[in-house]
Amino acid sequence: MQGETNLLDDLDDEQIAIAVRKVNDTDIEDLLTAEQNRARFMLTIVDYTDEESNSPMARIEELFPNLPAFQTESEIQTAARK
């Protein structure tokens, strides 16, 4: 914590002491563990979503191997109009 109080120059010594006591009085390890678990959960969701969003395209490419590969959204829209 050395030097961190320099970031709080608008607080007086008593306010800093109160903030430090509040942090020390909490079970910060439990709070950090909860945040880590939430982060792991969100990464799992992102991975699952990524896999699920790629599988329909892979299936389409498997069923229709001769489909042209589109480079831009405008090319897709142009092809859809035909």
N, C-alpha and C. Protein backbone atom coordinates (compact mmCIF):
# COMPACT_ATOMS: atom_id res chain seq x y z
N MET A 1 0.82 -1.20 0.00
CA MET A 1 0.00 0.00 0.00
C MET A 1 0.86 1.26 0.00
N GLN A 2 2.14 1.09 0.15
CA GLN A 2 3.01 2.26 0.19
C GLN A 2 2.90 3.02 -1.12
N GLY A 3 2.65 4.31 -1.03
CA GLY A 3 2.55 5.14 -2.22
C GLY A 3 1.16 5.24 -2.79
N GLU A 4 0.27 4.29 -2.47
CA GLU A 4 -1.07 4.33 -3.03
C GLU A 4 -1.89 5.50 -2.52
N THR A 5 -1.61 5.94 -1.30
CA THR A 5 -2.38 7.06 -0.77
C THR A 5 -2.07 8.34 -1.54
N ASN A 6 -0.99 8.35 -2.28
CA ASN A 6 -0.67 9.52 -3.10
C ASN A 6 -1.73 9.75 -4.18
N LEU A 7 -2.44 8.70 -4.54
CA LEU A 7 -3.49 8.82 -5.55
C LEU A 7 -4.74 9.50 -4.99
N LEU A 8 -4.83 9.56 -3.67
CA LEU A 8 -6.03 10.10 -3.02
C LEU A 8 -5.74 11.44 -2.38
N ASP A 9 -5.13 12.37 -3.09
CA ASP A 9 -4.74 13.62 -2.46
C ASP A 9 -5.92 14.48 -2.02
N ASP A 10 -7.14 14.17 -2.48
CA ASP A 10 -8.28 14.96 -2.05
C ASP A 10 -8.87 14.45 -0.73
N LEU A 11 -8.34 13.35 -0.18
CA LEU A 11 -8.83 12.81 1.09
C LEU A 11 -7.86 13.18 2.21
N ASP A 12 -8.43 13.46 3.38
CA ASP A 12 -7.54 13.73 4.51
C ASP A 12 -7.14 12.40 5.16
N ASP A 13 -6.24 12.45 6.12
CA ASP A 13 -5.71 11.24 6.74
C ASP A 13 -6.80 10.39 7.38
N GLU A 14 -7.79 11.03 7.98
CA GLU A 14 -8.87 10.28 8.63
C GLU A 14 -9.71 9.52 7.60
N GLN A 15 -10.01 10.16 6.47
CA GLN A 15 -10.78 9.48 5.42
C GLN A 15 -10.00 8.31 4.84
N ILE A 16 -8.71 8.48 4.68
CA ILE A 16 -7.88 7.38 4.17
C ILE A 16 -7.87 6.24 5.18
N ALA A 17 -7.73 6.56 6.47
CA ALA A 17 -7.73 5.53 7.52
C ALA A 17 -9.05 4.77 7.52
N ILE A 18 -10.18 5.49 7.35
CA ILE A 18 -11.49 4.84 7.31
C ILE A 18 -11.57 3.89 6.11
N ALA A 19 -11.10 4.33 4.95
CA ALA A 19 -11.13 3.49 3.75
C ALA A 19 -10.28 2.24 3.94
N VAL A 20 -9.10 2.41 4.52
CA VAL A 20 -8.21 1.27 4.76
C VAL A 20 -8.85 0.30 5.74
N ARG A 21 -9.48 0.81 6.80
CA ARG A 21 -10.15 -0.06 7.77
C ARG A 21 -11.29 -0.84 7.11
N LYS A 22 -12.06 -0.17 6.26
CA LYS A 22 -13.18 -0.87 5.60
C LYS A 22 -12.67 -2.00 4.71
N VAL A 23 -11.58 -1.76 4.01
CA VAL A 23 -11.02 -2.83 3.17
C VAL A 23 -10.49 -3.95 4.04
N ASN A 24 -9.78 -3.60 5.11
CA ASN A 24 -9.21 -4.62 5.99
C ASN A 24 -10.28 -5.40 6.74
N ASP A 25 -11.43 -4.79 7.00
CA ASP A 25 -12.50 -5.46 7.72
C ASP A 25 -13.32 -6.41 6.84
N THR A 26 -13.15 -6.32 5.55
CA THR A 26 -13.89 -7.23 4.66
C THR A 26 -13.03 -8.46 4.40
N ASP A 27 -13.68 -9.51 3.94
CA ASP A 27 -12.93 -10.70 3.55
C ASP A 27 -12.63 -10.56 2.06
N ILE A 28 -11.59 -9.81 1.78
CA ILE A 28 -11.29 -9.46 0.39
C ILE A 28 -10.99 -10.69 -0.47
N GLU A 29 -10.47 -11.73 0.15
CA GLU A 29 -10.18 -12.95 -0.60
C GLU A 29 -11.47 -13.55 -1.17
N ASP A 30 -12.54 -13.54 -0.37
CA ASP A 30 -13.82 -14.04 -0.86
C ASP A 30 -14.35 -13.19 -2.01
N LEU A 31 -14.18 -11.88 -1.88
CA LEU A 31 -14.65 -11.00 -2.95
C LEU A 31 -13.87 -11.23 -4.23
N LEU A 32 -12.56 -11.39 -4.11
CA LEU A 32 -11.73 -11.65 -5.29
C LEU A 32 -12.07 -12.99 -5.91
N THR A 33 -12.31 -13.99 -5.06
CA THR A 33 -12.68 -15.31 -5.57
C THR A 33 -13.98 -15.23 -6.37
N ALA A 34 -14.94 -14.47 -5.87
CA ALA A 34 -16.20 -14.31 -6.60
C ALA A 34 -15.97 -13.66 -7.96
N GLU A 35 -15.11 -12.65 -8.00
CA GLU A 35 -14.81 -11.99 -9.27
C GLU A 35 -14.09 -12.94 -10.23
N GLN A 36 -13.18 -13.73 -9.70
CA GLN A 36 -12.47 -14.70 -10.54
C GLN A 36 -13.44 -15.74 -11.10
N ASN A 37 -14.36 -16.20 -10.26
CA ASN A 37 -15.35 -17.18 -10.72
C ASN A 37 -16.24 -16.57 -11.80
N ARG A 38 -16.63 -15.32 -11.61
CA ARG A 38 -17.46 -14.64 -12.62
C ARG A 38 -16.70 -14.52 -13.93
N ALA A 39 -15.42 -14.18 -13.86
CA ALA A 39 -14.61 -14.05 -15.07
C ALA A 39 -14.49 -15.40 -15.78
N ARG A 40 -14.27 -16.46 -15.01
CA ARG A 40 -14.19 -17.80 -15.63
C ARG A 40 -15.52 -18.17 -16.30
N PHE A 41 -16.62 -17.87 -15.62
CA PHE A 41 -17.94 -18.15 -16.17
C PHE A 41 -18.14 -17.39 -17.49
N MET A 42 -17.78 -16.10 -17.50
CA MET A 42 -17.96 -15.30 -18.71
C MET A 42 -17.08 -15.83 -19.85
N LEU A 43 -15.85 -16.26 -19.54
CA LEU A 43 -14.99 -16.84 -20.58
C LEU A 43 -15.60 -18.12 -21.15
N THR A 44 -16.22 -18.91 -20.30
CA THR A 44 -16.89 -20.13 -20.76
C THR A 44 -18.03 -19.77 -21.72
N ILE A 45 -18.81 -18.76 -21.37
CA ILE A 45 -19.91 -18.32 -22.23
C ILE A 45 -19.38 -17.82 -23.57
N VAL A 46 -18.32 -17.03 -23.53
CA VAL A 46 -17.74 -16.50 -24.77
C VAL A 46 -17.24 -17.65 -25.65
N ASP A 47 -16.54 -18.61 -25.06
CA ASP A 47 -16.05 -19.76 -25.83
C ASP A 47 -17.21 -20.54 -26.45
N TYR A 48 -18.24 -20.79 -25.65
CA TYR A 48 -19.40 -21.54 -26.14
C TYR A 48 -20.08 -20.79 -27.28
N THR A 49 -20.26 -19.49 -27.11
CA THR A 49 -20.90 -18.68 -28.14
C THR A 49 -20.08 -18.68 -29.42
N ASP A 50 -18.78 -18.59 -29.27
CA ASP A 50 -17.90 -18.62 -30.44
C ASP A 50 -18.04 -19.94 -31.18
N GLU A 51 -18.03 -21.05 -30.44
CA GLU A 51 -18.18 -22.37 -31.06
C GLU A 51 -19.53 -22.50 -31.75
N GLU A 52 -20.58 -22.07 -31.06
CA GLU A 52 -21.93 -22.18 -31.61
C GLU A 52 -22.12 -21.31 -32.84
N SER A 53 -21.50 -20.15 -32.86
CA SER A 53 -21.67 -19.26 -34.02
C SER A 53 -20.87 -19.76 -35.22
N ASN A 54 -19.82 -20.50 -34.99
CA ASN A 54 -19.02 -21.02 -36.09
C ASN A 54 -19.57 -22.33 -36.64
N SER A 55 -20.28 -23.10 -35.84
CA SER A 55 -20.73 -24.41 -36.31
C SER A 55 -21.75 -24.35 -37.45
N PRO A 56 -22.70 -23.39 -37.48
CA PRO A 56 -23.60 -23.35 -38.65
C PRO A 56 -22.85 -23.07 -39.95
N MET A 57 -21.88 -22.17 -39.89
CA MET A 57 -21.11 -21.87 -41.10
C MET A 57 -20.30 -23.08 -41.54
N ALA A 58 -19.71 -23.80 -40.59
CA ALA A 58 -18.96 -25.00 -40.93
C ALA A 58 -19.87 -26.05 -41.58
N ARG A 59 -21.09 -26.16 -41.05
CA ARG A 59 -22.05 -27.13 -41.61
C ARG A 59 -22.47 -26.72 -43.02
N ILE A 60 -22.69 -25.44 -43.23
CA ILE A 60 -23.05 -24.95 -44.57
C ILE A 60 -21.91 -25.23 -45.55
N GLU A 61 -20.69 -24.93 -45.13
CA GLU A 61 -19.54 -25.19 -46.00
C GLU A 61 -19.37 -26.67 -46.29
N GLU A 62 -19.72 -27.51 -45.31
CA GLU A 62 -19.65 -28.95 -45.50
C GLU A 62 -20.69 -29.42 -46.52
N LEU A 63 -21.91 -28.89 -46.41
CA LEU A 63 -22.99 -29.30 -47.30
C LEU A 63 -22.85 -28.72 -48.70
N PHE A 64 -22.29 -27.50 -48.78
CA PHE A 64 -22.17 -26.81 -50.06
C PHE A 64 -20.72 -26.36 -50.27
N PRO A 65 -19.82 -27.28 -50.58
CA PRO A 65 -18.41 -26.93 -50.69
C PRO A 65 -18.08 -25.98 -51.84
N ASN A 66 -18.98 -25.85 -52.81
CA ASN A 66 -18.70 -24.99 -53.97
C ASN A 66 -19.24 -23.58 -53.84
N LEU A 67 -19.76 -23.22 -52.69
CA LEU A 67 -20.25 -21.86 -52.49
C LEU A 67 -19.08 -20.87 -52.57
N PRO A 68 -19.31 -19.72 -53.20
CA PRO A 68 -18.23 -18.73 -53.23
C PRO A 68 -18.00 -18.12 -51.84
N ALA A 69 -16.78 -17.78 -51.57
CA ALA A 69 -16.45 -17.14 -50.29
C ALA A 69 -16.64 -15.64 -50.45
N PHE A 70 -17.45 -15.04 -49.60
CA PHE A 70 -17.69 -13.60 -49.66
C PHE A 70 -16.66 -12.87 -48.82
N GLN A 71 -16.17 -11.77 -49.35
CA GLN A 71 -15.14 -11.01 -48.63
C GLN A 71 -15.74 -9.89 -47.79
N THR A 72 -16.81 -9.29 -48.25
CA THR A 72 -17.37 -8.15 -47.52
C THR A 72 -18.88 -8.31 -47.41
N GLU A 73 -19.45 -7.54 -46.51
CA GLU A 73 -20.90 -7.57 -46.32
C GLU A 73 -21.63 -7.09 -47.57
N SER A 74 -21.05 -6.11 -48.26
CA SER A 74 -21.70 -5.60 -49.47
C SER A 74 -21.76 -6.67 -50.56
N GLU A 75 -20.74 -7.53 -50.63
CA GLU A 75 -20.78 -8.62 -51.61
C GLU A 75 -21.88 -9.62 -51.27
N ILE A 76 -22.08 -9.85 -49.99
CA ILE A 76 -23.16 -10.76 -49.56
C ILE A 76 -24.51 -10.16 -49.93
N GLN A 77 -24.67 -8.88 -49.69
CA GLN A 77 -25.94 -8.22 -50.01
C GLN A 77 -26.18 -8.21 -51.52
N THR A 78 -25.14 -7.96 -52.30
CA THR A 78 -25.27 -7.97 -53.75
C THR A 78 -25.68 -9.35 -54.24
N ALA A 79 -25.06 -10.38 -53.71
CA ALA A 79 -25.38 -11.75 -54.11
C ALA A 79 -26.80 -12.12 -53.70
N ALA A 80 -27.25 -11.61 -52.56
CA ALA A 80 -28.59 -11.94 -52.08
C ALA A 80 -29.65 -11.32 -52.97
N ARG A 81 -29.35 -10.20 -53.60
CA ARG A 81 -30.32 -9.53 -54.48
C ARG A 81 -30.50 -10.26 -55.80
N LYS A 82 -29.55 -11.08 -56.18
CA LYS A 82 -29.60 -11.76 -57.49
C LYS A 82 -30.56 -12.91 -57.49
